[in-house]
Amino acid sequence: MIRAAIEAYLRQDLDEARLLPAMDQPVDRLNSNMYKEIVAVGGYPQQLEWATKMLMASRALERIGDQAVDFAEQTAYLITGERAEFVDLGNDEPVDDAAG
């Protein structure tokens, strides 16, 4: 995702920049599914420690994906001169970075 965001910027490619929210969806799903893993291993201390570390890693990856989307939005602004948030394709709402 980071490479795609950078390439879109370097090539000033609006279509490529607009692909980033779709690329971010699997990363978002990974992060949200890690919470289910934590619950599933709640009674097993050794597995809970591992799952907690994986949750932290998945959250960091999710934030990196969000930042790549934000970078693509800024690229779109540089190309078009218009400010607009890309929509989350699973939700049809603008992505609200403050919400998480």
C-alpha atoms as a PDB file:
ATOM      1  CA  MET A   1       0.000   0.000   0.000  1.00  0.00           C
ATOM      2  CA  ILE A   2       2.765   2.405   0.839  1.00  0.00           C
ATOM      3  CA  ARG A   3       4.441   1.738  -2.483  1.00  0.00           C
ATOM      4  CA  ALA A   4       1.136   2.253  -4.345  1.00  0.00           C
ATOM      5  CA  ALA A   5       0.556   5.556  -2.555  1.00  0.00           C
ATOM      6  CA  ILE A   6       4.062   6.747  -3.382  1.00  0.00           C
ATOM      7  CA  GLU A   7       3.796   5.616  -7.006  1.00  0.00           C
ATOM      8  CA  ALA A   8       0.459   7.405  -7.382  1.00  0.00           C
ATOM      9  CA  TYR A   9       2.104  10.568  -6.086  1.00  0.00           C
ATOM     10  CA  LEU A  10       5.184  10.267  -8.277  1.00  0.00           C
ATOM     11  CA  ARG A  11       3.117   9.595 -11.398  1.00  0.00           C
ATOM     12  CA  GLN A  12       0.373  12.033 -10.373  1.00  0.00           C
ATOM     13  CA  ASP A  13      -2.051   9.177 -11.053  1.00  0.00           C
ATOM     14  CA  LEU A  14      -5.479   9.971  -9.611  1.00  0.00           C
ATOM     15  CA  ASP A  15      -6.937   6.580 -10.529  1.00  0.00           C
ATOM     16  CA  GLU A  16      -4.168   4.760  -8.699  1.00  0.00           C
ATOM     17  CA  ALA A  17      -4.576   7.016  -5.666  1.00  0.00           C
ATOM     18  CA  ARG A  18      -8.276   6.179  -5.554  1.00  0.00           C
ATOM     19  CA  LEU A  19      -7.467   2.455  -5.309  1.00  0.00           C
ATOM     20  CA  LEU A  20      -5.963   2.817  -1.847  1.00  0.00           C
ATOM     21  CA  PRO A  21      -9.175   2.507   0.221  1.00  0.00           C
ATOM     22  CA  ALA A  22      -9.896  -0.878  -1.390  1.00  0.00           C
ATOM     23  CA  MET A  23      -6.339  -1.965  -0.639  1.00  0.00           C
ATOM     24  CA  ASP A  24      -6.844  -0.948   2.991  1.00  0.00           C
ATOM     25  CA  GLN A  25      -9.909  -3.142   3.540  1.00  0.00           C
ATOM     26  CA  PRO A  26      -8.061  -6.463   4.097  1.00  0.00           C
ATOM     27  CA  VAL A  27      -5.776  -4.782   6.613  1.00  0.00           C
ATOM     28  CA  ASP A  28      -8.793  -3.369   8.455  1.00  0.00           C
ATOM     29  CA  ARG A  29     -10.418  -6.819   8.505  1.00  0.00           C
ATOM     30  CA  LEU A  30      -7.237  -8.399   9.858  1.00  0.00           C
ATOM     31  CA  ASN A  31      -7.176  -5.891  12.695  1.00  0.00           C
ATOM     32  CA  SER A  32     -10.847  -6.314  13.581  1.00  0.00           C
ATOM     33  CA  ASN A  33     -10.548 -10.114  13.487  1.00  0.00           C
ATOM     34  CA  MET A  34      -7.654 -10.049  15.950  1.00  0.00           C
ATOM     35  CA  TYR A  35     -10.088  -8.940  18.654  1.00  0.00           C
ATOM     36  CA  LYS A  36     -11.971 -12.199  18.107  1.00  0.00           C
ATOM     37  CA  GLU A  37      -8.711 -14.105  18.544  1.00  0.00           C
ATOM     38  CA  ILE A  38      -8.100 -12.412  21.881  1.00  0.00           C
ATOM     39  CA  VAL A  39     -11.527 -13.475  23.118  1.00  0.00           C
ATOM     40  CA  ALA A  40     -11.021 -17.013  21.830  1.00  0.00           C
ATOM     41  CA  VAL A  41      -7.793 -17.536  23.765  1.00  0.00           C
ATOM     42  CA  GLY A  42      -8.811 -15.609  26.882  1.00  0.00           C
ATOM     43  CA  GLY A  43      -8.493 -18.642  29.150  1.00  0.00           C
ATOM     44  CA  TYR A  44      -5.020 -19.652  27.970  1.00  0.00           C
ATOM     45  CA  PRO A  45      -2.315 -17.314  29.371  1.00  0.00           C
ATOM     46  CA  GLN A  46       0.470 -18.356  26.968  1.00  0.00           C
ATOM     47  CA  GLN A  47      -1.749 -17.972  23.911  1.00  0.00           C
ATOM     48  CA  LEU A  48      -3.219 -14.754  25.293  1.00  0.00           C
ATOM     49  CA  GLU A  49       0.244 -13.214  25.463  1.00  0.00           C
ATOM     50  CA  TRP A  50       0.885 -14.152  21.816  1.00  0.00           C
ATOM     51  CA  ALA A  51      -2.552 -12.926  20.708  1.00  0.00           C
ATOM     52  CA  THR A  52      -2.038  -9.618  22.500  1.00  0.00           C
ATOM     53  CA  LYS A  53       1.247  -9.074  20.660  1.00  0.00           C
ATOM     54  CA  MET A  54      -0.447  -9.925  17.369  1.00  0.00           C
ATOM     55  CA  LEU A  55      -3.223  -7.453  18.176  1.00  0.00           C
ATOM     56  CA  MET A  56      -0.638  -4.738  18.694  1.00  0.00           C
ATOM     57  CA  ALA A  57       1.026  -5.643  15.393  1.00  0.00           C
ATOM     58  CA  SER A  58      -2.270  -5.726  13.506  1.00  0.00           C
ATOM     59  CA  ARG A  59      -3.220  -2.322  14.938  1.00  0.00           C
ATOM     60  CA  ALA A  60       0.101  -0.867  13.791  1.00  0.00           C
ATOM     61  CA  LEU A  61      -0.428  -2.286  10.296  1.00  0.00           C
ATOM     62  CA  GLU A  62      -3.968  -0.892  10.253  1.00  0.00           C
ATOM     63  CA  ARG A  63      -2.633   2.578  11.094  1.00  0.00           C
ATOM     64  CA  ILE A  64      -0.019   2.312   8.342  1.00  0.00           C
ATOM     65  CA  GLY A  65      -2.833   1.485   5.907  1.00  0.00           C
ATOM     66  CA  ASP A  66      -4.816   4.498   7.102  1.00  0.00           C
ATOM     67  CA  GLN A  67      -1.788   6.722   6.617  1.00  0.00           C
ATOM     68  CA  ALA A  68      -1.303   5.393   3.065  1.00  0.00           C
ATOM     69  CA  VAL A  69      -4.937   6.258   2.303  1.00  0.00           C
ATOM     70  CA  ASP A  70      -4.425   9.732   3.792  1.00  0.00           C
ATOM     71  CA  PHE A  71      -1.332  10.172   1.632  1.00  0.00           C
ATOM     72  CA  ALA A  72      -3.349   9.164  -1.443  1.00  0.00           C
ATOM     73  CA  GLU A  73      -6.028  11.711  -0.503  1.00  0.00           C
ATOM     74  CA  GLN A  74      -3.354  14.395  -0.365  1.00  0.00           C
ATOM     75  CA  THR A  75      -2.077  13.250  -3.759  1.00  0.00           C
ATOM     76  CA  ALA A  76      -5.601  13.579  -5.153  1.00  0.00           C
ATOM     77  CA  TYR A  77      -5.767  17.090  -3.725  1.00  0.00           C
ATOM     78  CA  LEU A  78      -2.495  18.026  -5.420  1.00  0.00           C
ATOM     79  CA  ILE A  79      -3.807  16.710  -8.740  1.00  0.00           C
ATOM     80  CA  THR A  80      -7.354  18.119  -8.613  1.00  0.00           C
ATOM     81  CA  GLY A  81      -7.108  21.055  -6.221  1.00  0.00           C
ATOM     82  CA  GLU A  82     -10.210  19.739  -4.463  1.00  0.00           C
ATOM     83  CA  ARG A  83     -10.260  18.376  -0.930  1.00  0.00           C
ATOM     84  CA  ALA A  84     -12.189  15.158  -0.539  1.00  0.00           C
ATOM     85  CA  GLU A  85     -11.951  12.139   1.715  1.00  0.00           C
ATOM     86  CA  PHE A  86     -11.961   8.807  -0.033  1.00  0.00           C
ATOM     87  CA  VAL A  87     -14.866   6.652   1.032  1.00  0.00           C
ATOM     88  CA  ASP A  88     -14.548   3.313   2.761  1.00  0.00           C
ATOM     89  CA  LEU A  89     -15.975   1.003   0.112  1.00  0.00           C
ATOM     90  CA  GLY A  90     -17.582  -1.282   2.667  1.00  0.00           C
ATOM     91  CA  ASN A  91     -19.452   1.564   4.286  1.00  0.00           C
ATOM     92  CA  ASP A  92     -20.036   4.276   1.646  1.00  0.00           C
ATOM     93  CA  GLU A  93     -19.083   6.876   4.231  1.00  0.00           C
ATOM     94  CA  PRO A  94     -15.994   9.057   4.245  1.00  0.00           C
ATOM     95  CA  VAL A  95     -13.259   7.442   6.263  1.00  0.00           C
ATOM     96  CA  ASP A  96     -13.123   9.131   9.680  1.00  0.00           C
ATOM     97  CA  ASP A  97      -9.530   8.783  10.823  1.00  0.00           C
ATOM     98  CA  ALA A  98     -10.326  10.209  14.250  1.00  0.00           C
ATOM     99  CA  ALA A  99     -12.644   7.263  14.922  1.00  0.00           C
ATOM    100  CA  GLY A 100      -9.835   4.811  14.647  1.00  0.00           C
END
